[in-house]
Protein backbone atom coordinates (compact mmCIF):
# COMPACT_ATOMS: atom_id res chain seq x y z
CA MET A 1 96.42 12.57 42.08
CA LYS A 2 97.51 11.59 38.59
CA TYR A 3 95.73 12.74 35.48
CA PHE A 4 95.99 10.78 32.29
CA TYR A 5 95.68 12.34 28.89
CA ARG A 6 92.99 10.53 26.97
CA ARG A 7 93.17 10.82 23.18
CA PRO A 8 89.91 11.94 21.60
CA ARG A 9 88.11 9.34 19.53
CA TRP A 10 88.13 11.65 16.56
CA SER A 11 90.57 13.99 14.96
CA TRP A 12 90.34 16.77 12.45
CA THR A 13 92.51 14.76 10.06
CA GLY A 14 90.21 11.78 10.41
CA ILE A 15 87.25 13.95 9.39
CA ILE A 16 88.77 16.26 6.80
CA VAL A 17 90.65 13.70 4.67
CA PRO A 18 87.59 11.49 3.95
CA LEU A 19 85.41 14.59 3.47
CA VAL A 20 87.82 16.01 0.89
CA GLY A 21 87.84 12.62 -0.88
CA VAL A 22 84.05 12.47 -1.04
CA LEU A 23 83.71 16.07 -2.21
CA SER A 24 86.43 15.56 -4.84
CA PHE A 25 84.66 12.49 -6.22
CA ALA A 26 81.32 14.35 -6.25
CA GLY A 27 83.00 17.25 -8.04
CA ILE A 28 84.46 14.94 -10.69
CA VAL A 29 81.06 13.36 -11.32
CA ALA A 30 79.30 16.74 -11.45
CA TRP A 31 81.99 18.20 -13.73
CA SER A 32 81.90 15.23 -16.10
CA THR A 33 78.12 15.40 -16.51
CA ALA A 34 77.97 19.21 -16.71
CA ARG A 35 80.80 19.68 -19.20
CA ALA A 36 80.04 19.94 -22.89
CA ALA A 37 79.53 16.65 -24.67
CA LEU A 38 79.69 16.59 -28.47
CA PRO A 39 77.47 19.49 -29.55
CA ALA A 40 74.54 19.39 -31.96
CA GLY A 41 75.79 19.75 -35.52
CA SER A 42 78.84 17.55 -34.93
CA ASN A 43 79.45 14.44 -36.97
CA ALA A 44 78.66 11.42 -34.82
CA PRO A 45 81.60 9.02 -34.54
CA MET A 46 80.62 5.75 -36.19
CA PHE A 47 81.27 2.64 -34.13
CA VAL A 48 80.85 -1.11 -34.10
CA ALA A 49 80.40 -2.83 -30.74
CA PRO A 50 79.38 -6.18 -29.26
CA ALA A 51 75.81 -5.86 -28.03
CA ALA A 52 72.95 -7.81 -26.52
CA GLN A 53 69.19 -7.63 -26.91
CA ALA A 54 66.88 -9.97 -25.05
CA GLY A 55 69.97 -11.97 -24.07
CA LYS A 56 71.06 -12.53 -27.66
CA GLU A 57 74.52 -11.29 -28.61
CA PHE A 58 75.27 -9.59 -31.93
CA SER A 59 77.52 -6.94 -33.46
CA PHE A 60 75.92 -3.48 -33.46
CA HIS A 61 76.89 -1.17 -36.35
CA LEU A 62 75.78 2.44 -35.89
CA ALA A 63 76.07 3.13 -39.64
CA ASP A 64 73.66 0.27 -40.39
CA ALA A 65 71.16 1.42 -37.75
CA LEU A 66 71.15 4.95 -39.20
CA ARG A 67 69.98 3.60 -42.56
CA ASN A 68 66.63 2.91 -40.90
CA GLY A 69 66.17 6.33 -39.25
CA PRO A 70 67.40 8.43 -36.32
CA VAL A 71 69.25 6.64 -33.54
CA VAL A 72 69.38 7.53 -29.85
CA VAL A 73 72.79 6.59 -28.46
CA TYR A 74 72.68 6.89 -24.70
CA PHE A 75 75.62 6.34 -22.37
CA TYR A 76 75.08 5.22 -18.79
CA PRO A 77 77.51 4.46 -15.94
CA ALA A 78 76.81 0.84 -15.00
CA ALA A 79 74.20 -1.87 -15.47
CA PHE A 80 72.08 -2.81 -12.45
CA THR A 81 72.77 0.42 -10.55
CA ARG A 82 69.69 2.30 -9.38
CA GLY A 83 69.74 5.21 -11.85
CA CYS A 84 70.72 3.06 -14.81
CA THR A 85 67.97 0.56 -14.04
CA ILE A 86 65.39 3.37 -13.88
CA GLU A 87 66.66 4.76 -17.19
CA ALA A 88 66.57 1.34 -18.88
CA HIS A 89 62.96 0.83 -17.75
CA GLU A 90 61.97 4.26 -19.09
CA PHE A 91 63.58 3.62 -22.49
CA ALA A 92 61.95 0.17 -22.65
CA ASP A 93 58.53 1.64 -21.83
CA ALA A 94 58.94 4.30 -24.54
CA MET A 95 60.09 2.03 -27.39
CA ASP A 96 56.69 2.13 -29.14
CA SER A 97 56.99 5.93 -29.28
CA TYR A 98 60.49 5.72 -30.75
CA HIS A 99 59.40 3.14 -33.33
CA ALA A 100 56.40 5.28 -34.32
CA LEU A 101 58.90 8.03 -35.16
CA GLY A 102 61.08 5.63 -37.15
CA ALA A 103 63.82 5.83 -34.53
CA SER A 104 65.85 3.25 -32.62
CA VAL A 105 67.79 3.24 -29.35
CA ILE A 106 71.13 1.77 -28.26
CA GLY A 107 72.46 2.00 -24.71
CA VAL A 108 76.25 1.97 -24.21
CA SER A 109 78.16 1.24 -21.00
CA MET A 110 81.57 -0.02 -19.99
CA ASP A 111 80.09 -3.25 -18.61
CA ASP A 112 81.21 -6.59 -20.01
CA LEU A 113 78.94 -8.37 -22.48
CA LYS A 114 77.90 -11.15 -20.08
CA THR A 115 76.56 -8.53 -17.66
CA LEU A 116 74.69 -6.84 -20.51
CA ASP A 117 73.18 -10.16 -21.62
CA ARG A 118 71.35 -10.25 -18.28
CA PHE A 119 70.64 -6.49 -18.18
CA SER A 120 69.09 -6.60 -21.68
CA VAL A 121 66.58 -9.17 -20.46
CA SER A 122 65.77 -8.10 -16.91
CA GLU A 123 65.94 -4.30 -17.14
CA CYS A 124 65.64 -3.46 -20.86
CA HIS A 125 62.88 -6.09 -21.17
CA GLY A 126 64.32 -7.15 -24.55
CA ARG A 127 62.98 -3.92 -26.13
CA PHE A 128 66.29 -2.38 -27.25
CA PRO A 129 69.98 -3.36 -27.41
CA VAL A 130 72.80 -2.41 -25.07
CA ALA A 131 76.42 -2.33 -26.25
CA SER A 132 79.58 -3.18 -24.36
CA ASP A 133 82.42 -0.64 -24.36
CA PRO A 134 84.78 -2.13 -21.75
CA SER A 135 87.78 0.02 -22.70
CA GLY A 136 85.69 3.21 -22.79
CA SER A 137 86.88 3.97 -26.32
CA ILE A 138 83.37 4.70 -27.66
CA ALA A 139 82.51 6.84 -24.63
CA ARG A 140 85.77 8.74 -25.20
CA LEU A 141 84.89 9.39 -28.86
CA TYR A 142 81.60 10.87 -27.69
CA ASP A 143 83.21 12.86 -24.87
CA SER A 144 81.05 10.83 -22.49
CA ARG A 145 83.62 9.19 -20.24
CA MET A 146 84.08 10.30 -16.65
CA PRO A 147 87.62 11.30 -15.75
CA VAL A 148 89.50 9.17 -13.21
CA VAL A 149 86.70 6.63 -12.64
CA HIS A 150 86.02 3.80 -15.09
CA TYR A 151 82.46 4.77 -16.08
CA ALA A 152 80.62 6.49 -18.89
CA SER A 153 78.77 9.66 -17.96
CA ARG A 154 74.99 9.76 -18.37
CA THR A 155 74.67 11.41 -21.78
CA SER A 156 72.08 10.96 -24.54
CA TYR A 157 72.56 11.80 -28.20
CA VAL A 158 70.07 11.85 -31.04
CA ILE A 159 71.76 11.17 -34.37
CA ALA A 160 70.06 11.86 -37.71
CA PRO A 161 70.34 9.38 -40.59
CA ASP A 162 73.00 11.61 -42.23
CA GLY A 163 75.25 11.02 -39.22
CA LYS A 164 74.83 14.49 -37.69
CA ILE A 165 74.14 14.88 -33.99
CA ILE A 166 70.88 16.78 -33.68
CA PHE A 167 70.53 16.73 -29.88
CA THR A 168 72.74 16.22 -26.83
CA TYR A 169 71.67 15.97 -23.20
CA SER A 170 73.91 15.27 -20.18
CA ALA A 171 72.50 14.92 -16.67
CA LEU A 172 73.31 12.66 -13.76
CA SER A 173 69.60 12.07 -13.15
CA PRO A 174 67.98 9.53 -15.50
CA ASP A 175 64.60 11.27 -15.41
CA GLU A 176 64.62 13.50 -18.49
CA HIS A 177 66.59 11.52 -21.08
CA VAL A 178 63.62 9.75 -22.68
CA ARG A 179 61.33 12.76 -22.79
CA ARG A 180 63.97 15.08 -24.19
CA THR A 181 65.23 12.67 -26.86
CA LEU A 182 61.66 11.98 -28.02
CA GLU A 183 60.99 15.73 -28.25
CA ALA A 184 64.18 16.20 -30.29
CA ILE A 185 63.17 13.45 -32.71
CA ARG A 186 59.66 14.89 -33.08
CA ALA A 187 61.12 18.34 -33.81
CA TRP A 188 63.51 16.85 -36.37
CA ARG A 189 60.67 14.84 -37.96
CA ALA A 190 58.60 18.02 -38.34
CA GLY A 191 61.15 19.29 -40.85
CA HIS A 192 61.81 15.98 -42.58
CA ALA A 193 60.00 13.10 -44.19
CA PRO A 194 57.41 11.44 -41.97
CA ALA A 195 58.32 8.19 -40.26
CA PRO A 196 57.76 5.07 -42.38
């Protein structure tokens, strides 16, 4: 009687190599969102970027926006992904609260401008602009670019009119960015002139 060796349908290599890849990617994402972004008290890097609001393209100048009050600059990984869509909806819903505090919001991602034209309409509901940073140069200035992968990390900054960062928050979840940035602006307003 002959016995034939039958190869198993799985192997340790076939399990371990993909598992290490997945865990490495998860570690990179967790490290990039947990590491220190630009701290409060830092000078915010000024930037100019192509942007869209309600499908209309324009050139966004951070220095100009700061002349009107505090600015929330929030970085997000990619338009139309689940977390970024949730975050855009939350910022859009809160725009009246930001305006009441004399503040404005700009979202920044590494998406191309044509993608952001659509995102600014469908997910931002035309309530605030989103800027295109396809090379990741702005995200890099703000220490908000993930290593290895071509995405910005989910990081929110509140910048005072004098160009100083007054609040920084990094978290992979989109849930707390709006609440925390509004609280930071309210706290800053308590020690400064009331909103116009």
